[in-house]
PDB file of N, CA and C in Angstrom:
ATOM      1  N   MET A   1     -28.839 -32.905 -24.841  1.00  0.00           N
ATOM      2  CA  MET A   1     -28.822 -33.842 -23.756  1.00  0.00           C
ATOM      3  C   MET A   1     -30.129 -33.682 -22.976  1.00  0.00           C
ATOM      4  N   MET A   2     -30.592 -34.729 -22.416  1.00  0.00           N
ATOM      5  CA  MET A   2     -31.845 -34.712 -21.672  1.00  0.00           C
ATOM      6  C   MET A   2     -31.605 -35.135 -20.226  1.00  0.00           C
ATOM      7  N   TYR A   3     -32.156 -34.368 -19.302  1.00  0.00           N
ATOM      8  CA  TYR A   3     -32.048 -34.666 -17.867  1.00  0.00           C
ATOM      9  C   TYR A   3     -33.441 -35.043 -17.370  1.00  0.00           C
ATOM     10  N   LEU A   4     -33.633 -36.312 -17.024  1.00  0.00           N
ATOM     11  CA  LEU A   4     -34.941 -36.806 -16.622  1.00  0.00           C
ATOM     12  C   LEU A   4     -35.281 -36.380 -15.192  1.00  0.00           C
ATOM     13  N   LYS A   5     -36.479 -35.856 -15.022  1.00  0.00           N
ATOM     14  CA  LYS A   5     -37.051 -35.469 -13.725  1.00  0.00           C
ATOM     15  C   LYS A   5     -36.146 -34.512 -12.932  1.00  0.00           C
ATOM     16  N   GLU A   6     -35.559 -33.528 -13.616  1.00  0.00           N
ATOM     17  CA  GLU A   6     -34.654 -32.587 -12.969  1.00  0.00           C
ATOM     18  C   GLU A   6     -35.223 -31.168 -12.880  1.00  0.00           C
ATOM     19  N   CYS A   7     -36.412 -30.924 -13.380  1.00  0.00           N
ATOM     20  CA  CYS A   7     -36.987 -29.582 -13.335  1.00  0.00           C
ATOM     21  C   CYS A   7     -37.298 -29.208 -11.884  1.00  0.00           C
ATOM     22  N   PRO A   8     -36.809 -28.055 -11.401  1.00  0.00           N
ATOM     23  CA  PRO A   8     -37.078 -27.665 -10.015  1.00  0.00           C
ATOM     24  C   PRO A   8     -38.525 -27.217  -9.788  1.00  0.00           C
ATOM     25  N   LYS A   9     -39.228 -26.900 -10.855  1.00  0.00           N
ATOM     26  CA  LYS A   9     -40.595 -26.403 -10.735  1.00  0.00           C
ATOM     27  C   LYS A   9     -41.628 -27.532 -10.743  1.00  0.00           C
ATOM     28  N   CYS A  10     -41.520 -28.459 -11.711  1.00  0.00           N
ATOM     29  CA  CYS A  10     -42.542 -29.504 -11.850  1.00  0.00           C
ATOM     30  C   CYS A  10     -41.972 -30.915 -11.821  1.00  0.00           C
ATOM     31  N   HIS A  11     -40.678 -31.047 -11.643  1.00  0.00           N
ATOM     32  CA  HIS A  11     -39.988 -32.342 -11.667  1.00  0.00           C
ATOM     33  C   HIS A  11     -40.152 -33.052 -13.002  1.00  0.00           C
ATOM     34  N   GLY A  12     -40.218 -32.240 -14.060  1.00  0.00           N
ATOM     35  CA  GLY A  12     -40.303 -32.788 -15.417  1.00  0.00           C
ATOM     36  C   GLY A  12     -38.916 -32.976 -16.010  1.00  0.00           C
ATOM     37  N   ASP A  13     -38.887 -33.208 -17.309  1.00  0.00           N
ATOM     38  CA  ASP A  13     -37.641 -33.503 -18.012  1.00  0.00           C
ATOM     39  C   ASP A  13     -37.050 -32.222 -18.616  1.00  0.00           C
ATOM     40  N   LEU A  14     -35.753 -32.017 -18.413  1.00  0.00           N
ATOM     41  CA  LEU A  14     -35.055 -30.863 -18.965  1.00  0.00           C
ATOM     42  C   LEU A  14     -34.267 -31.282 -20.193  1.00  0.00           C
ATOM     43  N   ILE A  15     -34.254 -30.403 -21.203  1.00  0.00           N
ATOM     44  CA  ILE A  15     -33.414 -30.625 -22.371  1.00  0.00           C
ATOM     45  C   ILE A  15     -32.445 -29.457 -22.476  1.00  0.00           C
ATOM     46  N   ALA A  16     -31.233 -29.756 -22.921  1.00  0.00           N
ATOM     47  CA  ALA A  16     -30.222 -28.726 -23.111  1.00  0.00           C
ATOM     48  C   ALA A  16     -30.336 -28.188 -24.524  1.00  0.00           C
ATOM     49  N   GLY A  17     -30.228 -26.870 -24.635  1.00  0.00           N
ATOM     50  CA  GLY A  17     -30.294 -26.224 -25.937  1.00  0.00           C
ATOM     51  C   GLY A  17     -29.281 -25.102 -26.027  1.00  0.00           C
ATOM     52  N   GLU A  18     -29.155 -24.550 -27.227  1.00  0.00           N
ATOM     53  CA  GLU A  18     -28.210 -23.469 -27.444  1.00  0.00           C
ATOM     54  C   GLU A  18     -28.758 -22.554 -28.526  1.00  0.00           C
ATOM     55  N   ASP A  19     -28.630 -21.232 -28.310  1.00  0.00           N
ATOM     56  CA  ASP A  19     -29.027 -20.254 -29.307  1.00  0.00           C
ATOM     57  C   ASP A  19     -27.973 -19.148 -29.346  1.00  0.00           C
ATOM     58  N   VAL A  20     -28.303 -18.016 -29.964  1.00  0.00           N
ATOM     59  CA  VAL A  20     -27.323 -16.944 -30.104  1.00  0.00           C
ATOM     60  C   VAL A  20     -26.927 -16.336 -28.767  1.00  0.00           C
ATOM     61  N   ASP A  21     -27.763 -16.461 -27.754  1.00  0.00           N
ATOM     62  CA  ASP A  21     -27.470 -15.900 -26.440  1.00  0.00           C
ATOM     63  C   ASP A  21     -26.655 -16.840 -25.565  1.00  0.00           C
ATOM     64  N   GLY A  22     -26.535 -18.091 -25.922  1.00  0.00           N
ATOM     65  CA  GLY A  22     -25.759 -19.041 -25.143  1.00  0.00           C
ATOM     66  C   GLY A  22     -26.514 -20.341 -24.927  1.00  0.00           C
ATOM     67  N   LYS A  23     -26.053 -21.105 -23.958  1.00  0.00           N
ATOM     68  CA  LYS A  23     -26.646 -22.411 -23.656  1.00  0.00           C
ATOM     69  C   LYS A  23     -27.710 -22.261 -22.572  1.00  0.00           C
ATOM     70  N   PHE A  24     -28.705 -23.157 -22.614  1.00  0.00           N
ATOM     71  CA  PHE A  24     -29.789 -23.100 -21.643  1.00  0.00           C
ATOM     72  C   PHE A  24     -30.371 -24.482 -21.414  1.00  0.00           C
ATOM     73  N   LEU A  25     -31.136 -24.622 -20.324  1.00  0.00           N
ATOM     74  CA  LEU A  25     -31.921 -25.819 -20.038  1.00  0.00           C
ATOM     75  C   LEU A  25     -33.385 -25.424 -20.088  1.00  0.00           C
ATOM     76  N   SER A  26     -34.206 -26.278 -20.662  1.00  0.00           N
ATOM     77  CA  SER A  26     -35.626 -25.991 -20.790  1.00  0.00           C
ATOM     78  C   SER A  26     -36.432 -27.236 -20.429  1.00  0.00           C
ATOM     79  N   CYS A  27     -37.522 -27.033 -19.664  1.00  0.00           N
ATOM     80  CA  CYS A  27     -38.389 -28.135 -19.277  1.00  0.00           C
ATOM     81  C   CYS A  27     -39.406 -28.397 -20.384  1.00  0.00           C
ATOM     82  N   ILE A  28     -39.584 -29.659 -20.716  1.00  0.00           N
ATOM     83  CA  ILE A  28     -40.531 -30.040 -21.760  1.00  0.00           C
ATOM     84  C   ILE A  28     -41.972 -29.867 -21.273  1.00  0.00           C
ATOM     85  N   GLN A  29     -42.219 -30.160 -19.999  1.00  0.00           N
ATOM     86  CA  GLN A  29     -43.582 -30.158 -19.495  1.00  0.00           C
ATOM     87  C   GLN A  29     -44.096 -28.749 -19.163  1.00  0.00           C
ATOM     88  N   CYS A  30     -43.324 -27.956 -18.411  1.00  0.00           N
ATOM     89  CA  CYS A  30     -43.858 -26.669 -17.939  1.00  0.00           C
ATOM     90  C   CYS A  30     -43.233 -25.452 -18.615  1.00  0.00           C
ATOM     91  N   GLY A  31     -42.151 -25.607 -19.365  1.00  0.00           N
ATOM     92  CA  GLY A  31     -41.538 -24.483 -20.062  1.00  0.00           C
ATOM     93  C   GLY A  31     -40.507 -23.716 -19.247  1.00  0.00           C
ATOM     94  N   TYR A  32     -40.175 -24.198 -18.065  1.00  0.00           N
ATOM     95  CA  TYR A  32     -39.156 -23.556 -17.230  1.00  0.00           C
ATOM     96  C   TYR A  32     -37.854 -23.461 -18.016  1.00  0.00           C
ATOM     97  N   MET A  33     -37.185 -22.289 -17.939  1.00  0.00           N
ATOM     98  CA  MET A  33     -35.913 -22.115 -18.638  1.00  0.00           C
ATOM     99  C   MET A  33     -34.868 -21.565 -17.683  1.00  0.00           C
ATOM    100  N   ARG A  34     -33.648 -22.052 -17.841  1.00  0.00           N
ATOM    101  CA  ARG A  34     -32.527 -21.562 -17.050  1.00  0.00           C
ATOM    102  C   ARG A  34     -31.314 -21.463 -17.961  1.00  0.00           C
ATOM    103  N   GLU A  35     -30.686 -20.277 -17.961  1.00  0.00           N
ATOM    104  CA  GLU A  35     -29.480 -20.101 -18.758  1.00  0.00           C
ATOM    105  C   GLU A  35     -28.291 -20.702 -18.031  1.00  0.00           C
ATOM    106  N   LEU A  36     -27.415 -21.312 -18.784  1.00  0.00           N
ATOM    107  CA  LEU A  36     -26.209 -21.890 -18.218  1.00  0.00           C
ATOM    108  C   LEU A  36     -25.088 -20.860 -18.273  1.00  0.00           C
ATOM    109  N   PRO A  37     -24.174 -20.882 -17.307  1.00  0.00           N
ATOM    110  CA  PRO A  37     -23.079 -19.911 -17.318  1.00  0.00           C
ATOM    111  C   PRO A  37     -22.179 -20.098 -18.542  1.00  0.00           C
ATOM    112  N   VAL A  38     -21.670 -18.988 -19.023  1.00  0.00           N
ATOM    113  CA  VAL A  38     -20.805 -19.005 -20.197  1.00  0.00           C
ATOM    114  C   VAL A  38     -19.394 -19.384 -19.769  1.00  0.00           C
ATOM    115  N   GLU A  39     -18.822 -20.346 -20.455  1.00  0.00           N
ATOM    116  CA  GLU A  39     -17.454 -20.767 -20.160  1.00  0.00           C
ATOM    117  C   GLU A  39     -16.488 -19.821 -20.864  1.00  0.00           C
ATOM    118  N   PRO A  40     -15.470 -19.356 -20.169  1.00  0.00           N
ATOM    119  CA  PRO A  40     -14.509 -18.462 -20.831  1.00  0.00           C
ATOM    120  C   PRO A  40     -13.726 -19.206 -21.908  1.00  0.00           C
ATOM    121  N   ARG A  41     -13.529 -18.524 -23.033  1.00  0.00           N
ATOM    122  CA  ARG A  41     -12.778 -19.127 -24.123  1.00  0.00           C
ATOM    123  C   ARG A  41     -11.289 -19.036 -23.841  1.00  0.00           C
ATOM    124  N   VAL A  42     -10.592 -20.101 -24.130  1.00  0.00           N
ATOM    125  CA  VAL A  42      -9.147 -20.116 -23.968  1.00  0.00           C
ATOM    126  C   VAL A  42      -8.543 -20.028 -25.357  1.00  0.00           C
ATOM    127  N   ASP A  43      -7.827 -18.942 -25.589  1.00  0.00           N
ATOM    128  CA  ASP A  43      -7.221 -18.732 -26.892  1.00  0.00           C
ATOM    129  C   ASP A  43      -5.712 -18.708 -26.708  1.00  0.00           C
ATOM    130  N   ASN A  44      -5.036 -19.639 -27.309  1.00  0.00           N
ATOM    131  CA  ASN A  44      -3.591 -19.737 -27.164  1.00  0.00           C
ATOM    132  C   ASN A  44      -2.842 -18.954 -28.231  1.00  0.00           C
ATOM    133  N   SER A  45      -3.538 -18.082 -28.915  1.00  0.00           N
ATOM    134  CA  SER A  45      -2.909 -17.299 -29.962  1.00  0.00           C
ATOM    135  C   SER A  45      -1.968 -16.255 -29.356  1.00  0.00           C
ATOM    136  N   PRO A  46      -0.789 -16.050 -29.947  1.00  0.00           N
ATOM    137  CA  PRO A  46       0.131 -15.042 -29.404  1.00  0.00           C
ATOM    138  C   PRO A  46      -0.338 -13.620 -29.678  1.00  0.00           C
ATOM    139  N   TYR A  47      -1.386 -13.438 -30.472  1.00  0.00           N
ATOM    140  CA  TYR A  47      -1.840 -12.104 -30.851  1.00  0.00           C
ATOM    141  C   TYR A  47      -2.980 -11.592 -29.975  1.00  0.00           C
ATOM    142  N   THR A  48      -3.247 -12.227 -28.853  1.00  0.00           N
ATOM    143  CA  THR A  48      -4.363 -11.820 -28.002  1.00  0.00           C
ATOM    144  C   THR A  48      -3.923 -11.000 -26.796  1.00  0.00           C
ATOM    145  N   ASN A  49      -2.755 -10.395 -26.869  1.00  0.00           N
ATOM    146  CA  ASN A  49      -2.280  -9.620 -25.734  1.00  0.00           C
ATOM    147  C   ASN A  49      -2.678  -8.148 -25.824  1.00  0.00           C
ATOM    148  N   GLY A  50      -3.565  -7.783 -26.731  1.00  0.00           N
ATOM    149  CA  GLY A  50      -4.065  -6.427 -26.819  1.00  0.00           C
ATOM    150  C   GLY A  50      -3.320  -5.548 -27.804  1.00  0.00           C
ATOM    151  N   GLU A  51      -2.276  -6.058 -28.430  1.00  0.00           N
ATOM    152  CA  GLU A  51      -1.538  -5.266 -29.392  1.00  0.00           C
ATOM    153  C   GLU A  51      -2.249  -5.258 -30.735  1.00  0.00           C
ATOM    154  N   THR A  52      -2.103  -4.160 -31.443  1.00  0.00           N
ATOM    155  CA  THR A  52      -2.670  -4.040 -32.769  1.00  0.00           C
ATOM    156  C   THR A  52      -1.548  -4.165 -33.781  1.00  0.00           C
ATOM    157  N   PHE A  53      -1.713  -5.035 -34.741  1.00  0.00           N
ATOM    158  CA  PHE A  53      -0.708  -5.228 -35.762  1.00  0.00           C
ATOM    159  C   PHE A  53      -1.206  -4.626 -37.065  1.00  0.00           C
ATOM    160  N   VAL A  54      -0.335  -3.863 -37.723  1.00  0.00           N
ATOM    161  CA  VAL A  54      -0.660  -3.278 -39.013  1.00  0.00           C
ATOM    162  C   VAL A  54       0.168  -3.997 -40.061  1.00  0.00           C
ATOM    163  N   ILE A  55      -0.510  -4.517 -41.032  1.00  0.00           N
ATOM    164  CA  ILE A  55       0.174  -5.236 -42.099  1.00  0.00           C
ATOM    165  C   ILE A  55       0.091  -4.379 -43.345  1.00  0.00           C
ATOM    166  N   ASP A  56       1.258  -4.016 -43.887  1.00  0.00           N
ATOM    167  CA  ASP A  56       1.283  -3.206 -45.099  1.00  0.00           C
ATOM    168  C   ASP A  56       0.938  -4.073 -46.300  1.00  0.00           C
ATOM    169  N   ALA A  57      -0.069  -3.630 -47.024  1.00  0.00           N
ATOM    170  CA  ALA A  57      -0.466  -4.349 -48.223  1.00  0.00           C
ATOM    171  C   ALA A  57       0.491  -3.971 -49.345  1.00  0.00           C
ATOM    172  N   PRO A  58       0.774  -4.888 -50.245  1.00  0.00           N
ATOM    173  CA  PRO A  58       1.675  -4.547 -51.352  1.00  0.00           C
ATOM    174  C   PRO A  58       1.045  -3.478 -52.239  1.00  0.00           C
ATOM    175  N   VAL A  59       1.867  -2.536 -52.649  1.00  0.00           N
ATOM    176  CA  VAL A  59       1.396  -1.441 -53.496  1.00  0.00           C
ATOM    177  C   VAL A  59       1.332  -1.950 -54.926  1.00  0.00           C
ATOM    178  N   ALA A  60       0.220  -1.682 -55.569  1.00  0.00           N
ATOM    179  CA  ALA A  60       0.052  -2.125 -56.948  1.00  0.00           C
ATOM    180  C   ALA A  60       1.018  -1.353 -57.845  1.00  0.00           C
ATOM    181  N   THR A  61       1.649  -2.061 -58.752  1.00  0.00           N
ATOM    182  CA  THR A  61       2.582  -1.405 -59.659  1.00  0.00           C
ATOM    183  C   THR A  61       1.810  -0.671 -60.734  1.00  0.00           C
ATOM    184  N   LYS A  62       2.358   0.451 -61.153  1.00  0.00           N
ATOM    185  CA  LYS A  62       1.705   1.245 -62.196  1.00  0.00           C
ATOM    186  C   LYS A  62       1.987   0.605 -63.546  1.00  0.00           C
ATOM    187  N   LYS A  63       0.958   0.560 -64.363  1.00  0.00           N
ATOM    188  CA  LYS A  63       1.129   0.023 -65.702  1.00  0.00           C
ATOM    189  C   LYS A  63       1.809   1.082 -66.567  1.00  0.00           C
ATOM    190  N   ARG A  64       2.762   0.640 -67.326  1.00  0.00           N
ATOM    191  CA  ARG A  64       3.459   1.571 -68.213  1.00  0.00           C
ATOM    192  C   ARG A  64       2.640   1.763 -69.473  1.00  0.00           C
ATOM    193  N   ARG A  65       2.535   3.008 -69.847  1.00  0.00           N
ATOM    194  CA  ARG A  65       1.808   3.319 -71.079  1.00  0.00           C
ATOM    195  C   ARG A  65       2.816   3.526 -72.200  1.00  0.00           C
ATOM    196  N   ARG A  66       2.465   3.018 -73.307  1.00  0.00           N
ATOM    197  CA  ARG A  66       3.323   3.234 -74.472  1.00  0.00           C
ATOM    198  C   ARG A  66       3.118   4.649 -74.976  1.00  0.00           C
ATOM    199  N   LYS A  67       4.198   5.203 -75.431  1.00  0.00           N
ATOM    200  CA  LYS A  67       4.072   6.526 -76.010  1.00  0.00           C
ATOM    201  C   LYS A  67       3.448   6.395 -77.394  1.00  0.00           C
ATOM    202  N   ALA A  68       2.743   7.422 -77.798  1.00  0.00           N
ATOM    203  CA  ALA A  68       2.036   7.394 -79.079  1.00  0.00           C
ATOM    204  C   ALA A  68       3.005   7.190 -80.235  1.00  0.00           C
ATOM    205  N   GLN A  69       4.206   7.693 -80.127  1.00  0.00           N
ATOM    206  CA  GLN A  69       5.178   7.563 -81.204  1.00  0.00           C
ATOM    207  C   GLN A  69       5.648   6.108 -81.349  1.00  0.00           C
ATOM    208  N   GLU A  70       5.831   5.421 -80.237  1.00  0.00           N
ATOM    209  CA  GLU A  70       6.310   4.047 -80.295  1.00  0.00           C
ATOM    210  C   GLU A  70       5.235   3.105 -80.839  1.00  0.00           C
ATOM    211  N   ALA A  71       3.978   3.390 -80.546  1.00  0.00           N
ATOM    212  CA  ALA A  71       2.898   2.527 -80.978  1.00  0.00           C
ATOM    213  C   ALA A  71       2.652   2.660 -82.469  1.00  0.00           C
ATOM    214  N   ALA A  72       2.955   3.803 -83.088  1.00  0.00           N
ATOM    215  CA  ALA A  72       2.684   4.027 -84.498  1.00  0.00           C
ATOM    216  C   ALA A  72       3.704   3.461 -85.392  1.00  0.00           C
TER     217      ALA A  72
END
């Protein structure tokens, strides 16, 4: 998004951007940058109450070996 003539330093044009650190506004003319506040994420998952769940993985069944007498 572009904000025309909103730069507090030079009254230039600001563009909104985003990188790994979050969202920011940057002036095209003078390079002024301002980070935007991070919005808290709302997660409606029932598993976000701090509990740890352990899920037992199925145990692999042992393969039966034929006895040497039966194979011969």
